[in-house]
Amino acid sequence: MTSLSASPSFSRLSDGCLDFFVWWQNEMLQMRPHLPWRKTKQRDQRQVVIGKSGFSLDGGAFQPLSTMGETLLALKAAGDFQDDAIRLVLNDTRYLERTISHRRLPLSILKRAAELDILTETPFRVEDVKILLSEPHKRDATYFILRRDVIDELRTQFRHAGVEVSGIYLGSGQVEVLSGLRPADFSQRPHRDIRRTLNWLLALLIVLGCLFCAYQVQQKTSTAAAVLEVEIGEASKQAHAARARYDQYAKKSQQLQALKQSKKLEVVKAWEELSRILPDTAFLTDLTIKDERVAIAGFSEKPATLIGSIEASALFQRAQFTSPVVKVPGFAGDNFHISFEQEEQ
């Protein structure tokens, strides 16, 4: 049992592109103004009609198909061809026309439906025939069946004559074949399959896309690295500045701590000396040391004797009252304020 051949995904993609091309062509033709010279030019080109009884050149009598190559070769040698190209028309005796649906279908869907129709409704095998699709100018879904042996014979004759086919048409020459058979199939020149070309183009586009993506990633990475390097440089400068400020702060802290320690020692020495020389009848309420100057305040029953006791000390000199001695109610003794200097050690 013959089965449908699995079509590659790229084939479906090309069929979809063909659908778009047909739609775009129809839209362009509707907007194109009527140009009579187009038909005149088309009629001036030579035309060969293929029928069941052979071939007919420019409306002449039908001749055996096996002699077409020699006939075209002779006409080409005589210079009767313009641009060495000819229109190929297959009349209705060379193909079978079938209608799948009375509704218009896209060519990609029509092609798959035609394969199924051949398998189920005709005695032909898909491998033995060619499915031809034309522009769906009608309101129905129609396709055409052409035997492969006819195509092989036509290819042999055209290549023998070295004549190029400008277009393939059906019936009276008004319906152009868009899919299934191409003029390049009859060319003597070696040509590459359009699908292979499209495959290479698609692969090239994928490679270019990957390279472009890699370039973009590399550019973004380089930009990010440059920005990061700048940020690291700025952070390094800030870190060095912060370190310098910290070192300066630590140095000042050490100096301040040493100064505090030295002041503490001076206060302790002054307090010890005052505790030794002052009488028991006197007590201090305040002791201040500023710029080698010591100020004391307190109460004593005999404040006048305090100046002599302080002057007699080896650590102090130039003692004097800084305010009058006064009697404070509620306290034993008189309130005094004395200032003196420390001897340099």
C-alpha atoms as a PDB file:
ATOM      1  CA  MET A   1       0.000   0.000   0.000  1.00  0.00           C
ATOM      2  CA  THR A   2       1.329   3.400  -0.966  1.00  0.00           C
ATOM      3  CA  SER A   3       1.591   5.905   1.850  1.00  0.00           C
ATOM      4  CA  LEU A   4       1.979   9.637   1.938  1.00  0.00           C
ATOM      5  CA  SER A   5       5.594  10.712   2.017  1.00  0.00           C
ATOM      6  CA  ALA A   6       6.533  12.654   5.107  1.00  0.00           C
ATOM      7  CA  SER A   7       7.263  16.207   4.102  1.00  0.00           C
ATOM      8  CA  PRO A   8      10.070  17.983   5.950  1.00  0.00           C
ATOM      9  CA  SER A   9       9.224  20.998   7.989  1.00  0.00           C
ATOM     10  CA  PHE A  10      11.188  23.174   5.582  1.00  0.00           C
ATOM     11  CA  SER A  11       8.931  22.029   2.739  1.00  0.00           C
ATOM     12  CA  ARG A  12       5.910  23.226   4.696  1.00  0.00           C
ATOM     13  CA  LEU A  13       7.702  26.489   5.341  1.00  0.00           C
ATOM     14  CA  SER A  14       8.336  26.974   1.615  1.00  0.00           C
ATOM     15  CA  ASP A  15       4.694  26.156   0.866  1.00  0.00           C
ATOM     16  CA  GLY A  16       3.646  28.764   3.405  1.00  0.00           C
ATOM     17  CA  CYS A  17       5.939  31.282   1.724  1.00  0.00           C
ATOM     18  CA  LEU A  18       4.306  30.381  -1.586  1.00  0.00           C
ATOM     19  CA  ASP A  19       0.891  31.115  -0.077  1.00  0.00           C
ATOM     20  CA  PHE A  20       2.103  34.538   0.938  1.00  0.00           C
ATOM     21  CA  PHE A  21       3.626  35.127  -2.499  1.00  0.00           C
ATOM     22  CA  VAL A  22       0.362  34.269  -4.243  1.00  0.00           C
ATOM     23  CA  TRP A  23      -1.588  36.586  -1.960  1.00  0.00           C
ATOM     24  CA  TRP A  24       0.927  39.387  -2.468  1.00  0.00           C
ATOM     25  CA  GLN A  25       0.927  38.842  -6.250  1.00  0.00           C
ATOM     26  CA  ASN A  26      -2.860  39.016  -6.379  1.00  0.00           C
ATOM     27  CA  GLU A  27      -2.838  42.245  -4.394  1.00  0.00           C
ATOM     28  CA  MET A  28      -0.209  43.766  -6.675  1.00  0.00           C
ATOM     29  CA  LEU A  29      -2.049  42.698  -9.828  1.00  0.00           C
ATOM     30  CA  GLN A  30      -5.223  44.321  -8.573  1.00  0.00           C
ATOM     31  CA  MET A  31      -3.401  47.619  -8.064  1.00  0.00           C
ATOM     32  CA  ARG A  32      -1.423  47.435 -11.330  1.00  0.00           C
ATOM     33  CA  PRO A  33      -2.838  49.534 -14.190  1.00  0.00           C
ATOM     34  CA  HIS A  34      -3.777  47.841 -17.432  1.00  0.00           C
ATOM     35  CA  LEU A  35      -0.792  47.756 -19.798  1.00  0.00           C
ATOM     36  CA  PRO A  36      -1.635  46.427 -23.301  1.00  0.00           C
ATOM     37  CA  TRP A  37       2.003  46.086 -24.274  1.00  0.00           C
ATOM     38  CA  ARG A  38       2.411  43.207 -21.817  1.00  0.00           C
ATOM     39  CA  LYS A  39       0.093  40.938 -23.785  1.00  0.00           C
ATOM     40  CA  THR A  40       1.701  42.040 -27.032  1.00  0.00           C
ATOM     41  CA  LYS A  41       5.111  41.074 -25.735  1.00  0.00           C
ATOM     42  CA  GLN A  42       3.740  37.759 -24.471  1.00  0.00           C
ATOM     43  CA  ARG A  43       2.254  36.947 -27.898  1.00  0.00           C
ATOM     44  CA  ASP A  44       5.532  37.767 -29.643  1.00  0.00           C
ATOM     45  CA  GLN A  45       7.353  35.033 -27.701  1.00  0.00           C
ATOM     46  CA  ARG A  46       7.409  31.625 -29.352  1.00  0.00           C
ATOM     47  CA  GLN A  47       5.216  28.934 -27.835  1.00  0.00           C
ATOM     48  CA  VAL A  48       5.213  25.163 -27.934  1.00  0.00           C
ATOM     49  CA  VAL A  49       2.021  23.258 -27.084  1.00  0.00           C
ATOM     50  CA  ILE A  50       2.296  19.700 -25.804  1.00  0.00           C
ATOM     51  CA  GLY A  51      -0.632  17.403 -26.496  1.00  0.00           C
ATOM     52  CA  LYS A  52      -1.364  13.714 -26.582  1.00  0.00           C
ATOM     53  CA  SER A  53      -0.404  13.528 -30.283  1.00  0.00           C
ATOM     54  CA  GLY A  54       2.927  15.348 -29.867  1.00  0.00           C
ATOM     55  CA  PHE A  55       3.938  18.998 -29.976  1.00  0.00           C
ATOM     56  CA  SER A  56       2.796  22.038 -31.891  1.00  0.00           C
ATOM     57  CA  LEU A  57       5.024  25.066 -32.445  1.00  0.00           C
ATOM     58  CA  ASP A  58       3.270  28.441 -32.649  1.00  0.00           C
ATOM     59  CA  GLY A  59      -0.105  26.922 -33.521  1.00  0.00           C
ATOM     60  CA  GLY A  60       1.210  24.651 -36.278  1.00  0.00           C
ATOM     61  CA  ALA A  61       0.442  21.009 -36.873  1.00  0.00           C
ATOM     62  CA  PHE A  62       1.251  18.481 -34.183  1.00  0.00           C
ATOM     63  CA  GLN A  63       4.435  16.483 -34.680  1.00  0.00           C
ATOM     64  CA  PRO A  64       5.872  13.537 -32.778  1.00  0.00           C
ATOM     65  CA  LEU A  65       7.293  14.577 -29.424  1.00  0.00           C
ATOM     66  CA  SER A  66      10.508  12.673 -30.087  1.00  0.00           C
ATOM     67  CA  THR A  67      11.387  15.124 -32.890  1.00  0.00           C
ATOM     68  CA  MET A  68      10.831  18.300 -30.851  1.00  0.00           C
ATOM     69  CA  GLY A  69      14.466  18.587 -29.765  1.00  0.00           C
ATOM     70  CA  GLU A  70      15.783  18.471 -33.325  1.00  0.00           C
ATOM     71  CA  THR A  71      13.130  20.928 -34.540  1.00  0.00           C
ATOM     72  CA  LEU A  72      13.908  23.439 -31.798  1.00  0.00           C
ATOM     73  CA  LEU A  73      17.634  23.005 -32.349  1.00  0.00           C
ATOM     74  CA  ALA A  74      17.234  23.822 -36.046  1.00  0.00           C
ATOM     75  CA  LEU A  75      15.118  26.900 -35.307  1.00  0.00           C
ATOM     76  CA  LYS A  76      17.634  28.054 -32.725  1.00  0.00           C
ATOM     77  CA  ALA A  77      20.457  27.695 -35.228  1.00  0.00           C
ATOM     78  CA  ALA A  78      18.436  29.777 -37.702  1.00  0.00           C
ATOM     79  CA  GLY A  79      18.048  32.547 -35.113  1.00  0.00           C
ATOM     80  CA  ASP A  80      14.274  32.237 -34.745  1.00  0.00           C
ATOM     81  CA  PHE A  81      14.299  32.478 -30.926  1.00  0.00           C
ATOM     82  CA  GLN A  82      14.304  35.657 -28.865  1.00  0.00           C
ATOM     83  CA  ASP A  83      16.602  35.252 -25.874  1.00  0.00           C
ATOM     84  CA  ASP A  84      16.649  31.464 -26.571  1.00  0.00           C
ATOM     85  CA  ALA A  85      13.461  31.080 -24.470  1.00  0.00           C
ATOM     86  CA  ILE A  86      10.058  29.575 -25.243  1.00  0.00           C
ATOM     87  CA  ARG A  87       6.675  29.254 -23.542  1.00  0.00           C
ATOM     88  CA  LEU A  88       5.639  25.702 -22.645  1.00  0.00           C
ATOM     89  CA  VAL A  89       1.884  25.013 -22.753  1.00  0.00           C
ATOM     90  CA  LEU A  90       0.362  21.686 -21.701  1.00  0.00           C
ATOM     91  CA  ASN A  91      -3.082  21.264 -23.238  1.00  0.00           C
ATOM     92  CA  ASP A  92      -5.890  19.429 -21.483  1.00  0.00           C
ATOM     93  CA  THR A  93      -4.986  16.060 -23.110  1.00  0.00           C
ATOM     94  CA  ARG A  94      -1.708  15.890 -21.162  1.00  0.00           C
ATOM     95  CA  TYR A  95      -2.960  16.405 -17.614  1.00  0.00           C
ATOM     96  CA  LEU A  96      -5.897  15.473 -15.433  1.00  0.00           C
ATOM     97  CA  GLU A  97      -7.770  18.231 -13.627  1.00  0.00           C
ATOM     98  CA  ARG A  98      -9.394  17.450 -10.295  1.00  0.00           C
ATOM     99  CA  THR A  99     -11.382  19.598  -7.875  1.00  0.00           C
ATOM    100  CA  ILE A 100     -11.099  18.805  -4.176  1.00  0.00           C
ATOM    101  CA  SER A 101     -13.378  21.440  -2.760  1.00  0.00           C
ATOM    102  CA  HIS A 102     -15.679  24.121  -4.024  1.00  0.00           C
ATOM    103  CA  ARG A 103     -14.016  26.497  -1.596  1.00  0.00           C
ATOM    104  CA  ARG A 104     -10.738  28.234  -2.251  1.00  0.00           C
ATOM    105  CA  LEU A 105      -7.778  26.797  -0.283  1.00  0.00           C
ATOM    106  CA  PRO A 106      -4.204  27.974   0.271  1.00  0.00           C
ATOM    107  CA  LEU A 107      -1.697  26.205  -1.966  1.00  0.00           C
ATOM    108  CA  SER A 108       0.097  24.580   0.987  1.00  0.00           C
ATOM    109  CA  ILE A 109      -3.133  22.928   2.199  1.00  0.00           C
ATOM    110  CA  LEU A 110      -4.224  22.129  -1.356  1.00  0.00           C
ATOM    111  CA  LYS A 111      -0.960  20.275  -2.004  1.00  0.00           C
ATOM    112  CA  ARG A 112      -1.407  17.928   0.969  1.00  0.00           C
ATOM    113  CA  ALA A 113      -5.086  17.409   0.147  1.00  0.00           C
ATOM    114  CA  ALA A 114      -4.140  16.552  -3.452  1.00  0.00           C
ATOM    115  CA  GLU A 115      -1.749  13.808  -2.307  1.00  0.00           C
ATOM    116  CA  LEU A 116      -4.487  12.263  -0.200  1.00  0.00           C
ATOM    117  CA  ASP A 117      -6.967  12.556  -3.090  1.00  0.00           C
ATOM    118  CA  ILE A 118      -4.586  10.761  -5.474  1.00  0.00           C
ATOM    119  CA  LEU A 119      -4.138   7.881  -3.028  1.00  0.00           C
ATOM    120  CA  THR A 120      -7.818   7.408  -2.290  1.00  0.00           C
ATOM    121  CA  GLU A 121      -9.663   8.494  -5.439  1.00  0.00           C
ATOM    122  CA  THR A 122      -7.365   7.766  -8.428  1.00  0.00           C
ATOM    123  CA  PRO A 123      -5.487   4.717  -9.759  1.00  0.00           C
ATOM    124  CA  PHE A 124      -2.199   6.645  -9.767  1.00  0.00           C
ATOM    125  CA  ARG A 125       0.638   6.476  -7.298  1.00  0.00           C
ATOM    126  CA  VAL A 126       2.033   9.692  -5.892  1.00  0.00           C
ATOM    127  CA  GLU A 127       5.540   8.615  -6.961  1.00  0.00           C
ATOM    128  CA  ASP A 128       4.480   8.288 -10.633  1.00  0.00           C
ATOM    129  CA  VAL A 129       2.870  11.694 -11.084  1.00  0.00           C
ATOM    130  CA  LYS A 130       3.518  15.356 -10.500  1.00  0.00           C
ATOM    131  CA  ILE A 131       0.996  17.546  -8.697  1.00  0.00           C
ATOM    132  CA  LEU A 132       0.735  20.913 -10.392  1.00  0.00           C
ATOM    133  CA  LEU A 133      -0.780  23.892  -8.644  1.00  0.00           C
ATOM    134  CA  SER A 134      -1.711  27.124 -10.321  1.00  0.00           C
ATOM    135  CA  GLU A 135      -2.783  30.516  -9.084  1.00  0.00           C
ATOM    136  CA  PRO A 136      -6.143  29.992  -7.348  1.00  0.00           C
ATOM    137  CA  HIS A 137      -8.006  32.538  -9.448  1.00  0.00           C
ATOM    138  CA  LYS A 138     -11.114  30.401  -9.306  1.00  0.00           C
ATOM    139  CA  ARG A 139     -13.448  30.022  -6.381  1.00  0.00           C
ATOM    140  CA  ASP A 140     -12.664  26.328  -5.895  1.00  0.00           C
ATOM    141  CA  ALA A 141      -9.657  24.166  -4.949  1.00  0.00           C
ATOM    142  CA  THR A 142      -8.367  22.557  -8.156  1.00  0.00           C
ATOM    143  CA  TYR A 143      -5.110  20.770  -8.889  1.00  0.00           C
ATOM    144  CA  PHE A 144      -3.631  19.063 -11.948  1.00  0.00           C
ATOM    145  CA  ILE A 145      -2.011  15.635 -12.370  1.00  0.00           C
ATOM    146  CA  LEU A 146       0.830  15.164 -14.877  1.00  0.00           C
ATOM    147  CA  ARG A 147       2.686  11.885 -15.450  1.00  0.00           C
ATOM    148  CA  ARG A 148       6.386  11.911 -14.685  1.00  0.00           C
ATOM    149  CA  ASP A 149       7.310  10.086 -17.906  1.00  0.00           C
ATOM    150  CA  VAL A 150       5.922  13.026 -19.887  1.00  0.00           C
ATOM    151  CA  ILE A 151       8.059  15.421 -17.846  1.00  0.00           C
ATOM    152  CA  ASP A 152      11.153  13.260 -18.397  1.00  0.00           C
ATOM    153  CA  GLU A 153      10.583  13.244 -22.168  1.00  0.00           C
ATOM    154  CA  LEU A 154      10.103  17.018 -22.264  1.00  0.00           C
ATOM    155  CA  ARG A 155      13.242  17.541 -20.204  1.00  0.00           C
ATOM    156  CA  THR A 156      15.249  15.387 -22.611  1.00  0.00           C
ATOM    157  CA  GLN A 157      14.003  17.282 -25.683  1.00  0.00           C
ATOM    158  CA  PHE A 158      14.528  20.778 -24.272  1.00  0.00           C
ATOM    159  CA  ARG A 159      18.003  19.986 -22.991  1.00  0.00           C
ATOM    160  CA  HIS A 160      18.931  18.454 -26.330  1.00  0.00           C
ATOM    161  CA  ALA A 161      17.896  21.650 -28.089  1.00  0.00           C
ATOM    162  CA  GLY A 162      19.483  23.908 -25.479  1.00  0.00           C
ATOM    163  CA  VAL A 163      16.331  26.034 -25.318  1.00  0.00           C
ATOM    164  CA  GLU A 164      15.255  27.654 -22.057  1.00  0.00           C
ATOM    165  CA  VAL A 165      11.642  27.548 -20.877  1.00  0.00           C
ATOM    166  CA  SER A 166      10.356  30.968 -19.840  1.00  0.00           C
ATOM    167  CA  GLY A 167       7.139  29.729 -18.241  1.00  0.00           C
ATOM    168  CA  ILE A 168       4.834  26.713 -17.899  1.00  0.00           C
ATOM    169  CA  TYR A 169       1.115  27.108 -18.634  1.00  0.00           C
ATOM    170  CA  LEU A 170      -1.952  24.873 -18.761  1.00  0.00           C
ATOM    171  CA  GLY A 171      -4.935  24.647 -21.113  1.00  0.00           C
ATOM    172  CA  SER A 172      -5.023  27.535 -23.537  1.00  0.00           C
ATOM    173  CA  GLY A 173      -1.944  29.134 -22.013  1.00  0.00           C
ATOM    174  CA  GLN A 174      -3.651  31.437 -19.533  1.00  0.00           C
ATOM    175  CA  VAL A 175      -3.135  29.391 -16.344  1.00  0.00           C
ATOM    176  CA  GLU A 176       0.451  29.545 -15.101  1.00  0.00           C
ATOM    177  CA  VAL A 177       1.898  26.726 -12.994  1.00  0.00           C
ATOM    178  CA  LEU A 178       3.156  28.049  -9.660  1.00  0.00           C
ATOM    179  CA  SER A 179       4.120  24.870  -7.847  1.00  0.00           C
ATOM    180  CA  GLY A 180       5.109  21.319  -8.764  1.00  0.00           C
ATOM    181  CA  LEU A 181       7.016  22.128 -11.953  1.00  0.00           C
ATOM    182  CA  ARG A 182       9.446  24.926 -12.732  1.00  0.00           C
ATOM    183  CA  PRO A 183      11.041  26.261 -15.924  1.00  0.00           C
ATOM    184  CA  ALA A 184      14.456  25.475 -14.423  1.00  0.00           C
ATOM    185  CA  ASP A 185      13.538  21.746 -14.468  1.00  0.00           C
ATOM    186  CA  PHE A 186      13.967  21.786 -18.265  1.00  0.00           C
ATOM    187  CA  SER A 187      17.116  23.880 -18.338  1.00  0.00           C
ATOM    188  CA  GLN A 188      20.279  22.496 -19.883  1.00  0.00           C
ATOM    189  CA  ARG A 189      22.410  24.553 -17.547  1.00  0.00           C
ATOM    190  CA  PRO A 190      23.134  23.000 -14.203  1.00  0.00           C
ATOM    191  CA  HIS A 191      20.972  24.642 -11.583  1.00  0.00           C
ATOM    192  CA  ARG A 192      20.671  24.246  -7.917  1.00  0.00           C
ATOM    193  CA  ASP A 193      17.478  23.218  -6.280  1.00  0.00           C
ATOM    194  CA  ILE A 194      15.772  26.243  -4.796  1.00  0.00           C
ATOM    195  CA  ARG A 195      15.099  24.308  -1.608  1.00  0.00           C
ATOM    196  CA  ARG A 196      18.765  23.479  -1.247  1.00  0.00           C
ATOM    197  CA  THR A 197      19.601  27.118  -1.840  1.00  0.00           C
ATOM    198  CA  LEU A 198      17.024  28.179   0.710  1.00  0.00           C
ATOM    199  CA  ASN A 199      18.413  25.609   3.141  1.00  0.00           C
ATOM    200  CA  TRP A 200      21.886  27.088   2.746  1.00  0.00           C
ATOM    201  CA  LEU A 201      20.500  30.600   3.082  1.00  0.00           C
ATOM    202  CA  LEU A 202      18.576  29.591   6.189  1.00  0.00           C
ATOM    203  CA  ALA A 203      21.689  27.965   7.661  1.00  0.00           C
ATOM    204  CA  LEU A 204      23.710  31.063   6.797  1.00  0.00           C
ATOM    205  CA  LEU A 205      21.115  33.293   8.443  1.00  0.00           C
ATOM    206  CA  ILE A 206      21.203  31.102  11.554  1.00  0.00           C
ATOM    207  CA  VAL A 207      25.009  31.282  11.665  1.00  0.00           C
ATOM    208  CA  LEU A 208      24.944  35.038  11.121  1.00  0.00           C
ATOM    209  CA  GLY A 209      22.292  35.344  13.825  1.00  0.00           C
ATOM    210  CA  CYS A 210      24.429  33.326  16.239  1.00  0.00           C
ATOM    211  CA  LEU A 211      27.490  35.422  15.388  1.00  0.00           C
ATOM    212  CA  PHE A 212      25.486  38.600  15.856  1.00  0.00           C
ATOM    213  CA  CYS A 213      24.180  37.370  19.219  1.00  0.00           C
ATOM    214  CA  ALA A 214      27.706  36.382  20.260  1.00  0.00           C
ATOM    215  CA  TYR A 215      28.965  39.801  19.167  1.00  0.00           C
ATOM    216  CA  GLN A 216      26.218  41.517  21.152  1.00  0.00           C
ATOM    217  CA  VAL A 217      27.021  39.408  24.222  1.00  0.00           C
ATOM    218  CA  GLN A 218      30.733  40.158  23.813  1.00  0.00           C
ATOM    219  CA  GLN A 219      30.029  43.868  23.418  1.00  0.00           C
ATOM    220  CA  LYS A 220      27.803  43.900  26.484  1.00  0.00           C
ATOM    221  CA  THR A 221      30.415  41.913  28.419  1.00  0.00           C
ATOM    222  CA  SER A 222      33.179  44.298  27.346  1.00  0.00           C
ATOM    223  CA  THR A 223      31.048  47.305  28.238  1.00  0.00           C
ATOM    224  CA  ALA A 224      30.165  45.805  31.609  1.00  0.00           C
ATOM    225  CA  ALA A 225      33.844  44.977  32.239  1.00  0.00           C
ATOM    226  CA  ALA A 226      34.862  48.535  31.335  1.00  0.00           C
ATOM    227  CA  VAL A 227      32.191  49.993  33.608  1.00  0.00           C
ATOM    228  CA  LEU A 228      33.228  47.597  36.378  1.00  0.00           C
ATOM    229  CA  GLU A 229      36.868  48.581  35.935  1.00  0.00           C
ATOM    230  CA  VAL A 230      35.953  52.262  36.248  1.00  0.00           C
ATOM    231  CA  GLU A 231      33.848  51.529  39.321  1.00  0.00           C
ATOM    232  CA  ILE A 232      36.691  49.494  40.833  1.00  0.00           C
ATOM    233  CA  GLY A 233      39.089  52.384  40.167  1.00  0.00           C
ATOM    234  CA  GLU A 234      36.739  54.841  41.837  1.00  0.00           C
ATOM    235  CA  ALA A 235      36.177  52.463  44.748  1.00  0.00           C
ATOM    236  CA  SER A 236      39.947  51.986  45.084  1.00  0.00           C
ATOM    237  CA  LYS A 237      40.466  55.749  45.238  1.00  0.00           C
ATOM    238  CA  GLN A 238      37.731  56.080  47.828  1.00  0.00           C
ATOM    239  CA  ALA A 239      39.214  53.180  49.805  1.00  0.00           C
ATOM    240  CA  HIS A 240      42.680  54.784  49.783  1.00  0.00           C
ATOM    241  CA  ALA A 241      41.172  58.111  50.847  1.00  0.00           C
ATOM    242  CA  ALA A 242      39.192  56.396  53.603  1.00  0.00           C
ATOM    243  CA  ARG A 243      42.330  54.548  54.724  1.00  0.00           C
ATOM    244  CA  ALA A 244      44.262  57.815  54.846  1.00  0.00           C
ATOM    245  CA  ARG A 245      41.498  59.448  56.880  1.00  0.00           C
ATOM    246  CA  TYR A 246      41.414  56.436  59.196  1.00  0.00           C
ATOM    247  CA  ASP A 247      45.179  56.497  59.698  1.00  0.00           C
ATOM    248  CA  GLN A 248      45.019  60.213  60.430  1.00  0.00           C
ATOM    249  CA  TYR A 249      42.167  59.649  62.863  1.00  0.00           C
ATOM    250  CA  ALA A 250      44.036  56.792  64.553  1.00  0.00           C
ATOM    251  CA  LYS A 251      47.131  58.952  64.879  1.00  0.00           C
ATOM    252  CA  LYS A 252      45.152  61.793  66.402  1.00  0.00           C
ATOM    253  CA  SER A 253      43.373  59.330  68.685  1.00  0.00           C
ATOM    254  CA  GLN A 254      46.700  58.017  69.909  1.00  0.00           C
ATOM    255  CA  GLN A 255      47.938  61.539  70.493  1.00  0.00           C
ATOM    256  CA  LEU A 256      44.739  62.442  72.316  1.00  0.00           C
ATOM    257  CA  GLN A 257      44.941  59.307  74.412  1.00  0.00           C
ATOM    258  CA  ALA A 258      48.535  60.087  75.296  1.00  0.00           C
ATOM    259  CA  LEU A 259      47.556  63.637  76.133  1.00  0.00           C
ATOM    260  CA  LYS A 260      44.697  62.424  78.298  1.00  0.00           C
ATOM    261  CA  GLN A 261      47.024  59.985  80.013  1.00  0.00           C
ATOM    262  CA  SER A 262      49.553  62.719  80.698  1.00  0.00           C
ATOM    263  CA  LYS A 263      46.824  65.040  82.025  1.00  0.00           C
ATOM    264  CA  LYS A 264      45.569  62.244  84.208  1.00  0.00           C
ATOM    265  CA  LEU A 265      49.024  61.764  85.669  1.00  0.00           C
ATOM    266  CA  GLU A 266      49.299  65.509  86.332  1.00  0.00           C
ATOM    267  CA  VAL A 267      45.922  65.557  88.103  1.00  0.00           C
ATOM    268  CA  VAL A 268      46.870  62.529  90.195  1.00  0.00           C
ATOM    269  CA  LYS A 269      50.191  64.084  91.196  1.00  0.00           C
ATOM    270  CA  ALA A 270      48.541  67.398  92.004  1.00  0.00           C
ATOM    271  CA  TRP A 271      45.872  65.703  94.082  1.00  0.00           C
ATOM    272  CA  GLU A 272      48.396  63.613  95.976  1.00  0.00           C
ATOM    273  CA  GLU A 273      50.522  66.670  96.733  1.00  0.00           C
ATOM    274  CA  LEU A 274      47.547  68.738  97.860  1.00  0.00           C
ATOM    275  CA  SER A 275      46.334  65.902 100.077  1.00  0.00           C
ATOM    276  CA  ARG A 276      49.764  65.860 101.717  1.00  0.00           C
ATOM    277  CA  ILE A 277      50.281  69.572 102.299  1.00  0.00           C
ATOM    278  CA  LEU A 278      46.769  70.789 103.145  1.00  0.00           C
ATOM    279  CA  PRO A 279      45.708  70.565 106.809  1.00  0.00           C
ATOM    280  CA  ASP A 280      42.968  68.267 107.952  1.00  0.00           C
ATOM    281  CA  THR A 281      40.733  71.249 108.654  1.00  0.00           C
ATOM    282  CA  ALA A 282      40.529  72.028 104.934  1.00  0.00           C
ATOM    283  CA  PHE A 283      38.725  70.045 102.268  1.00  0.00           C
ATOM    284  CA  LEU A 284      38.466  70.609  98.498  1.00  0.00           C
ATOM    285  CA  THR A 285      35.307  70.833  96.417  1.00  0.00           C
ATOM    286  CA  ASP A 286      36.957  71.480  93.035  1.00  0.00           C
ATOM    287  CA  LEU A 287      40.299  70.814  91.310  1.00  0.00           C
ATOM    288  CA  THR A 288      41.014  72.111  87.782  1.00  0.00           C
ATOM    289  CA  ILE A 289      44.258  71.961  85.758  1.00  0.00           C
ATOM    290  CA  LYS A 290      44.514  74.106  82.616  1.00  0.00           C
ATOM    291  CA  ASP A 291      47.685  75.150  80.796  1.00  0.00           C
ATOM    292  CA  GLU A 292      49.951  74.283  83.737  1.00  0.00           C
ATOM    293  CA  ARG A 293      47.689  76.359  86.004  1.00  0.00           C
ATOM    294  CA  VAL A 294      45.942  74.659  88.932  1.00  0.00           C
ATOM    295  CA  ALA A 295      42.795  76.058  90.484  1.00  0.00           C
ATOM    296  CA  ILE A 296      41.308  74.699  93.698  1.00  0.00           C
ATOM    297  CA  ALA A 297      38.213  75.580  95.694  1.00  0.00           C
ATOM    298  CA  GLY A 298      36.967  74.391  99.063  1.00  0.00           C
ATOM    299  CA  PHE A 299      36.437  75.220 102.748  1.00  0.00           C
ATOM    300  CA  SER A 300      38.953  75.757 105.512  1.00  0.00           C
ATOM    301  CA  GLU A 301      38.942  77.126 109.068  1.00  0.00           C
ATOM    302  CA  LYS A 302      42.188  79.001 108.375  1.00  0.00           C
ATOM    303  CA  PRO A 303      42.316  79.837 104.638  1.00  0.00           C
ATOM    304  CA  ALA A 304      45.190  82.302 105.101  1.00  0.00           C
ATOM    305  CA  THR A 305      47.591  79.478 106.026  1.00  0.00           C
ATOM    306  CA  LEU A 306      46.881  77.627 102.780  1.00  0.00           C
ATOM    307  CA  ILE A 307      48.968  79.977 100.622  1.00  0.00           C
ATOM    308  CA  GLY A 308      52.082  79.250 102.683  1.00  0.00           C
ATOM    309  CA  SER A 309      51.506  75.493 102.607  1.00  0.00           C
ATOM    310  CA  ILE A 310      51.130  75.534  98.804  1.00  0.00           C
ATOM    311  CA  GLU A 311      54.194  77.745  98.283  1.00  0.00           C
ATOM    312  CA  ALA A 312      56.213  75.411 100.505  1.00  0.00           C
ATOM    313  CA  SER A 313      55.548  72.497  98.135  1.00  0.00           C
ATOM    314  CA  ALA A 314      58.184  71.580  95.578  1.00  0.00           C
ATOM    315  CA  LEU A 315      55.472  71.057  92.891  1.00  0.00           C
ATOM    316  CA  PHE A 316      53.632  74.393  93.154  1.00  0.00           C
ATOM    317  CA  GLN A 317      54.479  78.085  92.959  1.00  0.00           C
ATOM    318  CA  ARG A 318      52.890  81.536  92.729  1.00  0.00           C
ATOM    319  CA  ALA A 319      49.818  80.683  94.785  1.00  0.00           C
ATOM    320  CA  GLN A 320      47.180  83.378  95.192  1.00  0.00           C
ATOM    321  CA  PHE A 321      43.515  83.828  96.075  1.00  0.00           C
ATOM    322  CA  THR A 322      41.389  84.363  92.995  1.00  0.00           C
ATOM    323  CA  SER A 323      38.356  85.590  94.944  1.00  0.00           C
ATOM    324  CA  PRO A 324      37.631  86.884  98.451  1.00  0.00           C
ATOM    325  CA  VAL A 325      37.276  84.381 101.242  1.00  0.00           C
ATOM    326  CA  VAL A 326      33.655  84.265 102.327  1.00  0.00           C
ATOM    327  CA  LYS A 327      31.608  82.588 105.005  1.00  0.00           C
ATOM    328  CA  VAL A 328      28.954  80.253 103.627  1.00  0.00           C
ATOM    329  CA  PRO A 329      26.070  79.516 106.016  1.00  0.00           C
ATOM    330  CA  GLY A 330      25.677  75.868 106.817  1.00  0.00           C
ATOM    331  CA  PHE A 331      29.329  75.008 106.135  1.00  0.00           C
ATOM    332  CA  ALA A 332      32.163  74.731 108.625  1.00  0.00           C
ATOM    333  CA  GLY A 333      34.990  77.034 107.646  1.00  0.00           C
ATOM    334  CA  ASP A 334      35.375  79.734 105.015  1.00  0.00           C
ATOM    335  CA  ASN A 335      35.022  79.230 101.264  1.00  0.00           C
ATOM    336  CA  PHE A 336      38.212  79.917  99.299  1.00  0.00           C
ATOM    337  CA  HIS A 337      39.400  79.915  95.667  1.00  0.00           C
ATOM    338  CA  ILE A 338      43.154  79.605  95.129  1.00  0.00           C
ATOM    339  CA  SER A 339      45.151  79.464  91.905  1.00  0.00           C
ATOM    340  CA  PHE A 340      48.801  78.416  91.513  1.00  0.00           C
ATOM    341  CA  GLU A 341      51.225  77.045  88.924  1.00  0.00           C
ATOM    342  CA  GLN A 342      52.947  73.681  88.675  1.00  0.00           C
ATOM    343  CA  GLU A 343      56.691  73.589  88.764  1.00  0.00           C
ATOM    344  CA  GLU A 344      58.338  72.351  85.547  1.00  0.00           C
ATOM    345  CA  GLN A 345      59.676  68.846  86.063  1.00  0.00           C
END
